[in-house]
Amino acid sequence: MDIVTAMPSRGDIVVGNDVWFGYRVTVMPGVWIGDGAIIAAGAVVAADVPPYTIVGGNAARPIRQRFDDADVQRLQ
């Protein structure tokens, strides 16, 4: 039995369209990153990122939305 395949998994990382990753970003397993998101350099993403949101830090937190809610709905 292979020890790596026997370990439990939190799932796949799902990345939407037009996502920008800064230098040395770490994304934890099972995280969903929405369309148009921007991940700042050095961020550690441990939770889902909403579409068109800028996140950064360790653990990554929302900095701001790129567009207002109406524009995000229209883009999706």
Protein backbone atom coordinates (compact mmCIF):
# COMPACT_ATOMS: atom_id res chain seq x y z
CA MET A 1 0.00 0.00 0.00
CA ASP A 2 1.31 3.43 -0.94
CA ILE A 3 1.33 5.74 2.08
CA VAL A 4 0.58 8.85 0.01
CA THR A 5 -2.57 7.45 -1.62
CA ALA A 6 -3.78 6.07 1.73
CA MET A 7 -3.84 9.54 3.35
CA PRO A 8 -7.19 11.37 3.53
CA SER A 9 -7.66 14.26 1.11
CA ARG A 10 -9.58 17.50 1.40
CA GLY A 11 -10.30 17.46 -2.32
CA ASP A 12 -9.00 19.15 -5.42
CA ILE A 13 -8.10 22.80 -5.79
CA VAL A 14 -10.55 24.46 -8.21
CA VAL A 15 -9.40 27.63 -9.99
CA GLY A 16 -11.78 29.74 -12.07
CA ASN A 17 -11.05 31.67 -15.25
CA ASP A 18 -8.82 34.77 -15.40
CA VAL A 19 -7.30 34.28 -11.94
CA TRP A 20 -4.02 36.04 -11.19
CA PHE A 21 -1.54 34.55 -8.70
CA GLY A 22 1.28 36.62 -7.22
CA TYR A 23 4.76 35.29 -6.54
CA ARG A 24 5.11 32.40 -4.03
CA VAL A 25 1.39 31.90 -3.35
CA THR A 26 0.41 28.76 -1.41
CA VAL A 27 -3.05 27.28 -1.98
CA MET A 28 -4.21 24.61 0.46
CA PRO A 29 -6.07 21.48 -0.75
CA GLY A 30 -9.83 21.69 -1.26
CA VAL A 31 -9.93 25.45 -1.90
CA TRP A 32 -12.19 26.96 -4.58
CA ILE A 33 -10.99 30.22 -6.24
CA GLY A 34 -13.64 32.13 -8.18
CA ASP A 35 -13.35 33.73 -11.62
CA GLY A 36 -11.30 36.91 -11.88
CA ALA A 37 -9.80 36.68 -8.40
CA ILE A 38 -6.41 38.19 -7.61
CA ILE A 39 -4.17 36.49 -5.05
CA ALA A 40 -1.46 38.78 -3.65
CA ALA A 41 2.18 37.72 -3.54
CA GLY A 42 3.09 35.47 -0.63
CA ALA A 43 -0.53 34.75 0.33
CA VAL A 44 -1.54 31.48 1.96
CA VAL A 45 -5.04 30.65 0.71
CA ALA A 46 -6.79 28.32 3.16
CA ALA A 47 -10.44 29.27 2.46
CA ASP A 48 -12.60 29.75 -0.64
CA VAL A 49 -12.13 33.00 -2.59
CA PRO A 50 -15.25 34.68 -4.03
CA PRO A 51 -15.24 35.73 -7.70
CA TYR A 52 -13.56 39.06 -8.58
CA THR A 53 -12.07 39.52 -5.12
CA ILE A 54 -8.54 40.57 -4.19
CA VAL A 55 -7.09 38.57 -1.28
CA GLY A 56 -3.76 38.63 0.51
CA GLY A 57 -1.96 37.76 3.71
CA ASN A 58 -1.34 34.69 5.83
CA ALA A 59 -4.08 33.36 6.01
CA ALA A 60 -5.47 35.19 2.99
CA ARG A 61 -8.29 37.62 3.72
CA PRO A 62 -10.35 39.72 1.31
CA ILE A 63 -8.78 43.12 0.66
CA ARG A 64 -11.56 44.40 -1.60
CA GLN A 65 -13.84 43.46 -4.47
CA ARG A 66 -12.74 44.41 -7.96
CA PHE A 67 -16.28 45.35 -9.03
CA ASP A 68 -19.59 46.03 -7.29
CA ASP A 69 -22.07 43.16 -6.82
CA ALA A 70 -24.18 44.06 -9.87
CA ASP A 71 -21.14 44.02 -12.17
CA VAL A 72 -19.94 40.69 -10.71
CA GLN A 73 -23.36 39.12 -11.42
CA ARG A 74 -23.26 40.45 -14.98
CA LEU A 75 -19.70 39.13 -15.54
CA GLN A 76 -20.67 35.65 -14.41
